[in-house]
């Protein structure tokens, strides 16, 4: 994908689909965080409902919370 000049969105969706193509039924989402605003942004999640990805897009990450260790605070935009 990278060699074909795919967009970042296409690459991340491809990674999600690769992870989801396993026999265990995993669902994957790619997000990124903005260290200046402490917000989590949706990047790709082809198998999750749009209502979920919209709900977390821009959600505030709690103080001293890592993305993998604890969930966001629940405060939204």
PDB file of N, CA and C in Angstrom:
ATOM      1  N   UNK A   1       0.811  -1.195   0.000  1.00  0.00           N
ATOM      2  CA  UNK A   1       0.000   0.000   0.000  1.00  0.00           C
ATOM      3  C   UNK A   1       0.857   1.263   0.000  1.00  0.00           C
ATOM      4  N   UNK A   2       1.888   1.257   0.802  1.00  0.00           N
ATOM      5  CA  UNK A   2       2.754   2.432   0.875  1.00  0.00           C
ATOM      6  C   UNK A   2       3.439   2.645  -0.461  1.00  0.00           C
ATOM      7  N   UNK A   3       3.866   1.558  -1.082  1.00  0.00           N
ATOM      8  CA  UNK A   3       4.546   1.663  -2.372  1.00  0.00           C
ATOM      9  C   UNK A   3       3.613   2.158  -3.473  1.00  0.00           C
ATOM     10  N   UNK A   4       2.312   2.005  -3.269  1.00  0.00           N
ATOM     11  CA  UNK A   4       1.328   2.439  -4.266  1.00  0.00           C
ATOM     12  C   UNK A   4       0.829   3.850  -3.993  1.00  0.00           C
ATOM     13  N   UNK A   5       1.477   4.582  -3.103  1.00  0.00           N
ATOM     14  CA  UNK A   5       1.082   5.946  -2.753  1.00  0.00           C
ATOM     15  C   UNK A   5      -0.337   6.016  -2.199  1.00  0.00           C
ATOM     16  N   UNK A   6      -0.722   5.041  -1.396  1.00  0.00           N
ATOM     17  CA  UNK A   6      -2.032   5.071  -0.751  1.00  0.00           C
ATOM     18  C   UNK A   6      -2.046   6.165   0.313  1.00  0.00           C
ATOM     19  N   UNK A   7      -3.228   6.669   0.604  1.00  0.00           N
ATOM     20  CA  UNK A   7      -3.361   7.679   1.650  1.00  0.00           C
ATOM     21  C   UNK A   7      -3.190   7.021   3.017  1.00  0.00           C
ATOM     22  N   UNK A   8      -2.924   7.825   4.025  1.00  0.00           N
ATOM     23  CA  UNK A   8      -2.786   7.297   5.385  1.00  0.00           C
ATOM     24  C   UNK A   8      -4.073   6.596   5.805  1.00  0.00           C
ATOM     25  N   UNK A   9      -5.217   7.170   5.476  1.00  0.00           N
ATOM     26  CA  UNK A   9      -6.501   6.551   5.823  1.00  0.00           C
ATOM     27  C   UNK A   9      -6.637   5.160   5.192  1.00  0.00           C
ATOM     28  N   UNK A  10      -6.223   5.026   3.946  1.00  0.00           N
ATOM     29  CA  UNK A  10      -6.294   3.728   3.267  1.00  0.00           C
ATOM     30  C   UNK A  10      -5.340   2.725   3.907  1.00  0.00           C
ATOM     31  N   UNK A  11      -4.161   3.173   4.277  1.00  0.00           N
ATOM     32  CA  UNK A  11      -3.183   2.284   4.908  1.00  0.00           C
ATOM     33  C   UNK A  11      -3.693   1.809   6.262  1.00  0.00           C
ATOM     34  N   UNK A  12      -4.212   2.733   7.068  1.00  0.00           N
ATOM     35  CA  UNK A  12      -4.714   2.357   8.391  1.00  0.00           C
ATOM     36  C   UNK A  12      -5.920   1.430   8.284  1.00  0.00           C
ATOM     37  N   UNK A  13      -6.788   1.667   7.330  1.00  0.00           N
ATOM     38  CA  UNK A  13      -7.922   0.762   7.128  1.00  0.00           C
ATOM     39  C   UNK A  13      -7.422  -0.619   6.716  1.00  0.00           C
ATOM     40  N   UNK A  14      -6.409  -0.661   5.874  1.00  0.00           N
ATOM     41  CA  UNK A  14      -5.827  -1.939   5.469  1.00  0.00           C
ATOM     42  C   UNK A  14      -5.220  -2.688   6.641  1.00  0.00           C
ATOM     43  N   UNK A  15      -4.556  -1.969   7.531  1.00  0.00           N
ATOM     44  CA  UNK A  15      -3.985  -2.593   8.737  1.00  0.00           C
ATOM     45  C   UNK A  15      -5.109  -3.157   9.606  1.00  0.00           C
ATOM     46  N   UNK A  16      -6.178  -2.372   9.794  1.00  0.00           N
ATOM     47  CA  UNK A  16      -7.322  -2.855  10.570  1.00  0.00           C
ATOM     48  C   UNK A  16      -7.877  -4.143   9.970  1.00  0.00           C
ATOM     49  N   UNK A  17      -8.080  -4.139   8.672  1.00  0.00           N
ATOM     50  CA  UNK A  17      -8.645  -5.319   8.006  1.00  0.00           C
ATOM     51  C   UNK A  17      -7.699  -6.524   8.096  1.00  0.00           C
ATOM     52  N   UNK A  18      -6.403  -6.266   8.048  1.00  0.00           N
ATOM     53  CA  UNK A  18      -5.431  -7.349   8.195  1.00  0.00           C
ATOM     54  C   UNK A  18      -5.544  -7.984   9.583  1.00  0.00           C
ATOM     55  N   UNK A  19      -5.634  -7.151  10.607  1.00  0.00           N
ATOM     56  CA  UNK A  19      -5.771  -7.650  11.981  1.00  0.00           C
ATOM     57  C   UNK A  19      -7.102  -8.370  12.158  1.00  0.00           C
ATOM     58  N   UNK A  20      -8.154  -7.820  11.565  1.00  0.00           N
ATOM     59  CA  UNK A  20      -9.480  -8.418  11.701  1.00  0.00           C
ATOM     60  C   UNK A  20      -9.628  -9.712  10.900  1.00  0.00           C
ATOM     61  N   UNK A  21      -8.725  -9.975   9.992  1.00  0.00           N
ATOM     62  CA  UNK A  21      -8.803 -11.172   9.169  1.00  0.00           C
ATOM     63  C   UNK A  21      -8.270 -12.405   9.859  1.00  0.00           C
ATOM     64  N   UNK A  22      -8.314 -12.440  11.154  1.00  0.00           N
ATOM     65  CA  UNK A  22      -7.818 -13.578  11.921  1.00  0.00           C
ATOM     66  C   UNK A  22      -8.977 -14.504  12.277  1.00  0.00           C
ATOM     67  N   UNK A  23      -8.690 -15.690  12.743  1.00  0.00           N
ATOM     68  CA  UNK A  23      -9.768 -16.626  13.074  1.00  0.00           C
ATOM     69  C   UNK A  23     -10.424 -16.376  14.433  1.00  0.00           C
ATOM     70  N   UNK A  24      -9.986 -15.381  15.193  1.00  0.00           N
ATOM     71  CA  UNK A  24     -10.491 -15.158  16.547  1.00  0.00           C
ATOM     72  C   UNK A  24     -11.592 -14.109  16.619  1.00  0.00           C
ATOM     73  N   UNK A  25     -11.942 -13.497  15.520  1.00  0.00           N
ATOM     74  CA  UNK A  25     -13.025 -12.533  15.514  1.00  0.00           C
ATOM     75  C   UNK A  25     -12.690 -11.176  16.130  1.00  0.00           C
ATOM     76  N   UNK A  26     -11.421 -10.789  16.088  1.00  0.00           N
ATOM     77  CA  UNK A  26     -11.026  -9.501  16.637  1.00  0.00           C
ATOM     78  C   UNK A  26     -11.544  -8.354  15.771  1.00  0.00           C
ATOM     79  N   UNK A  27     -11.804  -7.225  16.416  1.00  0.00           N
ATOM     80  CA  UNK A  27     -12.154  -5.981  15.728  1.00  0.00           C
ATOM     81  C   UNK A  27     -11.074  -4.982  16.113  1.00  0.00           C
ATOM     82  N   UNK A  28     -10.610  -4.198  15.150  1.00  0.00           N
ATOM     83  CA  UNK A  28      -9.497  -3.293  15.416  1.00  0.00           C
ATOM     84  C   UNK A  28      -9.867  -1.856  15.071  1.00  0.00           C
ATOM     85  N   UNK A  29      -9.335  -0.945  15.865  1.00  0.00           N
ATOM     86  CA  UNK A  29      -9.501   0.482  15.596  1.00  0.00           C
ATOM     87  C   UNK A  29      -8.146   1.154  15.723  1.00  0.00           C
ATOM     88  N   UNK A  30      -7.852   2.060  14.812  1.00  0.00           N
ATOM     89  CA  UNK A  30      -6.645   2.875  14.891  1.00  0.00           C
ATOM     90  C   UNK A  30      -7.061   4.292  15.275  1.00  0.00           C
ATOM     91  N   UNK A  31      -6.376   4.828  16.260  1.00  0.00           N
ATOM     92  CA  UNK A  31      -6.629   6.189  16.732  1.00  0.00           C
ATOM     93  C   UNK A  31      -5.291   6.899  16.873  1.00  0.00           C
ATOM     94  N   UNK A  32      -5.345   8.193  16.998  1.00  0.00           N
ATOM     95  CA  UNK A  32      -4.144   8.946  17.335  1.00  0.00           C
ATOM     96  C   UNK A  32      -4.511   9.976  18.385  1.00  0.00           C
ATOM     97  N   UNK A  33      -3.527  10.376  19.157  1.00  0.00           N
ATOM     98  CA  UNK A  33      -3.774  11.358  20.203  1.00  0.00           C
ATOM     99  C   UNK A  33      -3.036  12.653  19.888  1.00  0.00           C
ATOM    100  N   UNK A  34      -3.603  13.731  20.356  1.00  0.00           N
ATOM    101  CA  UNK A  34      -3.018  15.055  20.190  1.00  0.00           C
ATOM    102  C   UNK A  34      -2.480  15.473  21.552  1.00  0.00           C
ATOM    103  N   UNK A  35      -1.168  15.507  21.687  1.00  0.00           N
ATOM    104  CA  UNK A  35      -0.578  15.806  22.989  1.00  0.00           C
ATOM    105  C   UNK A  35      -0.822  17.247  23.423  1.00  0.00           C
ATOM    106  N   UNK A  36      -1.096  18.132  22.484  1.00  0.00           N
ATOM    107  CA  UNK A  36      -1.351  19.529  22.842  1.00  0.00           C
ATOM    108  C   UNK A  36      -2.747  19.732  23.424  1.00  0.00           C
ATOM    109  N   UNK A  37      -3.719  18.956  22.952  1.00  0.00           N
ATOM    110  CA  UNK A  37      -5.097  19.124  23.431  1.00  0.00           C
ATOM    111  C   UNK A  37      -5.570  17.969  24.308  1.00  0.00           C
ATOM    112  N   UNK A  38      -4.745  16.923  24.437  1.00  0.00           N
ATOM    113  CA  UNK A  38      -5.109  15.724  25.199  1.00  0.00           C
ATOM    114  C   UNK A  38      -6.399  15.094  24.684  1.00  0.00           C
ATOM    115  N   UNK A  39      -6.521  15.031  23.372  1.00  0.00           N
ATOM    116  CA  UNK A  39      -7.715  14.434  22.775  1.00  0.00           C
ATOM    117  C   UNK A  39      -7.339  13.225  21.921  1.00  0.00           C
ATOM    118  N   UNK A  40      -8.273  12.297  21.851  1.00  0.00           N
ATOM    119  CA  UNK A  40      -8.123  11.082  21.068  1.00  0.00           C
ATOM    120  C   UNK A  40      -8.935  11.237  19.789  1.00  0.00           C
ATOM    121  N   UNK A  41      -8.331  10.935  18.657  1.00  0.00           N
ATOM    122  CA  UNK A  41      -8.986  11.099  17.359  1.00  0.00           C
ATOM    123  C   UNK A  41      -9.062   9.776  16.621  1.00  0.00           C
ATOM    124  N   UNK A  42     -10.207   9.517  16.036  1.00  0.00           N
ATOM    125  CA  UNK A  42     -10.445   8.309  15.247  1.00  0.00           C
ATOM    126  C   UNK A  42      -9.659   8.392  13.933  1.00  0.00           C
ATOM    127  N   UNK A  43      -9.044   7.283  13.534  1.00  0.00           N
ATOM    128  CA  UNK A  43      -8.331   7.236  12.257  1.00  0.00           C
ATOM    129  C   UNK A  43      -8.933   6.179  11.327  1.00  0.00           C
ATOM    130  N   UNK A  44      -9.183   4.976  11.848  1.00  0.00           N
ATOM    131  CA  UNK A  44      -9.748   3.906  11.017  1.00  0.00           C
ATOM    132  C   UNK A  44     -10.367   2.830  11.908  1.00  0.00           C
ATOM    133  N   UNK A  45     -11.490   2.315  11.471  1.00  0.00           N
ATOM    134  CA  UNK A  45     -12.163   1.202  12.156  1.00  0.00           C
ATOM    135  C   UNK A  45     -13.265   0.685  11.234  1.00  0.00           C
ATOM    136  N   UNK A  46     -12.891  -0.043  10.192  1.00  0.00           N
ATOM    137  CA  UNK A  46     -13.865  -0.436   9.177  1.00  0.00           C
ATOM    138  C   UNK A  46     -15.002  -1.320   9.680  1.00  0.00           C
ATOM    139  N   UNK A  47     -14.824  -2.006  10.799  1.00  0.00           N
ATOM    140  CA  UNK A  47     -15.862  -2.921  11.273  1.00  0.00           C
ATOM    141  C   UNK A  47     -16.660  -2.397  12.459  1.00  0.00           C
ATOM    142  N   UNK A  48     -16.319  -1.226  12.954  1.00  0.00           N
ATOM    143  CA  UNK A  48     -17.067  -0.661  14.073  1.00  0.00           C
ATOM    144  C   UNK A  48     -18.164   0.264  13.552  1.00  0.00           C
ATOM    145  N   UNK A  49     -19.270   0.371  14.293  1.00  0.00           N
ATOM    146  CA  UNK A  49     -20.344   1.258  13.855  1.00  0.00           C
ATOM    147  C   UNK A  49     -19.890   2.719  13.841  1.00  0.00           C
ATOM    148  N   UNK A  50     -20.388   3.456  12.873  1.00  0.00           N
ATOM    149  CA  UNK A  50     -20.032   4.869  12.767  1.00  0.00           C
ATOM    150  C   UNK A  50     -20.441   5.633  14.026  1.00  0.00           C
ATOM    151  N   UNK A  51     -21.523   5.218  14.673  1.00  0.00           N
ATOM    152  CA  UNK A  51     -21.965   5.891  15.899  1.00  0.00           C
ATOM    153  C   UNK A  51     -20.893   5.806  16.987  1.00  0.00           C
ATOM    154  N   UNK A  52     -20.176   4.684  17.052  1.00  0.00           N
ATOM    155  CA  UNK A  52     -19.092   4.527  18.038  1.00  0.00           C
ATOM    156  C   UNK A  52     -17.905   5.408  17.677  1.00  0.00           C
ATOM    157  N   UNK A  53     -17.469   5.339  16.442  1.00  0.00           N
ATOM    158  CA  UNK A  53     -16.285   6.111  16.056  1.00  0.00           C
ATOM    159  C   UNK A  53     -16.557   7.608  16.149  1.00  0.00           C
ATOM    160  N   UNK A  54     -17.770   8.026  15.855  1.00  0.00           N
ATOM    161  CA  UNK A  54     -18.137   9.434  15.987  1.00  0.00           C
ATOM    162  C   UNK A  54     -18.144   9.848  17.457  1.00  0.00           C
ATOM    163  N   UNK A  55     -18.624   8.971  18.326  1.00  0.00           N
ATOM    164  CA  UNK A  55     -18.713   9.280  19.755  1.00  0.00           C
ATOM    165  C   UNK A  55     -17.339   9.465  20.399  1.00  0.00           C
ATOM    166  N   UNK A  56     -16.339   8.724  19.947  1.00  0.00           N
ATOM    167  CA  UNK A  56     -15.022   8.852  20.578  1.00  0.00           C
ATOM    168  C   UNK A  56     -14.115   9.843  19.868  1.00  0.00           C
ATOM    169  N   UNK A  57     -14.480  10.270  18.681  1.00  0.00           N
ATOM    170  CA  UNK A  57     -13.623  11.171  17.914  1.00  0.00           C
ATOM    171  C   UNK A  57     -13.517  12.523  18.622  1.00  0.00           C
ATOM    172  N   UNK A  58     -12.337  12.829  19.104  1.00  0.00           N
ATOM    173  CA  UNK A  58     -12.100  14.094  19.801  1.00  0.00           C
ATOM    174  C   UNK A  58     -12.331  14.036  21.294  1.00  0.00           C
ATOM    175  N   UNK A  59     -12.520  12.829  21.834  1.00  0.00           N
ATOM    176  CA  UNK A  59     -12.780  12.688  23.261  1.00  0.00           C
ATOM    177  C   UNK A  59     -11.544  13.089  24.073  1.00  0.00           C
ATOM    178  N   UNK A  60     -11.787  13.699  25.207  1.00  0.00           N
ATOM    179  CA  UNK A  60     -10.706  14.149  26.076  1.00  0.00           C
ATOM    180  C   UNK A  60     -10.096  12.964  26.810  1.00  0.00           C
ATOM    181  N   UNK A  61      -8.783  12.886  26.806  1.00  0.00           N
ATOM    182  CA  UNK A  61      -8.058  11.836  27.521  1.00  0.00           C
ATOM    183  C   UNK A  61      -7.742  12.381  28.904  1.00  0.00           C
ATOM    184  N   UNK A  62      -8.009  11.602  29.932  1.00  0.00           N
ATOM    185  CA  UNK A  62      -7.784  12.045  31.311  1.00  0.00           C
ATOM    186  C   UNK A  62      -6.320  12.298  31.612  1.00  0.00           C
ATOM    187  N   UNK A  63      -6.089  13.105  32.620  1.00  0.00           N
ATOM    188  CA  UNK A  63      -4.726  13.434  33.033  1.00  0.00           C
ATOM    189  C   UNK A  63      -3.968  12.178  33.441  1.00  0.00           C
ATOM    190  N   UNK A  64      -2.740  12.070  32.966  1.00  0.00           N
ATOM    191  CA  UNK A  64      -1.825  10.970  33.293  1.00  0.00           C
ATOM    192  C   UNK A  64      -2.385   9.604  32.917  1.00  0.00           C
ATOM    193  N   UNK A  65      -3.314   9.537  31.987  1.00  0.00           N
ATOM    194  CA  UNK A  65      -3.850   8.255  31.546  1.00  0.00           C
ATOM    195  C   UNK A  65      -3.239   7.880  30.221  1.00  0.00           C
ATOM    196  N   UNK A  66      -2.724   6.673  30.132  1.00  0.00           N
ATOM    197  CA  UNK A  66      -2.205   6.182  28.868  1.00  0.00           C
ATOM    198  C   UNK A  66      -3.344   5.641  28.023  1.00  0.00           C
ATOM    199  N   UNK A  67      -3.193   5.665  26.723  1.00  0.00           N
ATOM    200  CA  UNK A  67      -4.259   5.202  25.843  1.00  0.00           C
ATOM    201  C   UNK A  67      -4.557   3.721  26.024  1.00  0.00           C
ATOM    202  N   UNK A  68      -3.554   2.919  26.289  1.00  0.00           N
ATOM    203  CA  UNK A  68      -3.770   1.476  26.407  1.00  0.00           C
ATOM    204  C   UNK A  68      -4.123   1.066  27.834  1.00  0.00           C
ATOM    205  N   UNK A  69      -3.661   1.824  28.816  1.00  0.00           N
ATOM    206  CA  UNK A  69      -3.841   1.400  30.208  1.00  0.00           C
ATOM    207  C   UNK A  69      -5.254   1.657  30.729  1.00  0.00           C
ATOM    208  N   UNK A  70      -5.793   2.838  30.490  1.00  0.00           N
ATOM    209  CA  UNK A  70      -7.089   3.214  31.036  1.00  0.00           C
ATOM    210  C   UNK A  70      -7.921   3.909  29.961  1.00  0.00           C
ATOM    211  N   UNK A  71      -9.241   3.833  30.095  1.00  0.00           N
ATOM    212  CA  UNK A  71     -10.089   4.473  29.081  1.00  0.00           C
ATOM    213  C   UNK A  71     -10.078   5.995  29.202  1.00  0.00           C
ATOM    214  N   UNK A  72     -10.508   6.692  28.150  1.00  0.00           N
ATOM    215  CA  UNK A  72     -10.657   8.138  28.220  1.00  0.00           C
ATOM    216  C   UNK A  72     -11.646   8.528  29.310  1.00  0.00           C
ATOM    217  N   UNK A  73     -11.688   9.786  29.682  1.00  0.00           N
ATOM    218  CA  UNK A  73     -12.507  10.252  30.789  1.00  0.00           C
ATOM    219  C   UNK A  73     -14.001  10.212  30.504  1.00  0.00           C
ATOM    220  N   UNK A  74     -14.377  10.233  29.236  1.00  0.00           N
ATOM    221  CA  UNK A  74     -15.791  10.269  28.897  1.00  0.00           C
ATOM    222  C   UNK A  74     -16.255  11.682  28.566  1.00  0.00           C
ATOM    223  N   UNK A  75     -15.448  12.675  28.861  1.00  0.00           N
ATOM    224  CA  UNK A  75     -15.783  14.042  28.492  1.00  0.00           C
ATOM    225  C   UNK A  75     -15.551  14.181  26.994  1.00  0.00           C
ATOM    226  N   UNK A  76     -16.498  14.718  26.297  1.00  0.00           N
ATOM    227  CA  UNK A  76     -16.377  14.840  24.855  1.00  0.00           C
ATOM    228  C   UNK A  76     -16.187  16.289  24.457  1.00  0.00           C
ATOM    229  N   UNK A  77     -15.716  16.471  23.231  1.00  0.00           N
ATOM    230  CA  UNK A  77     -15.479  17.782  22.630  1.00  0.00           C
ATOM    231  C   UNK A  77     -16.088  18.834  23.471  1.00  0.00           C
TER     232      UNK A  77
END
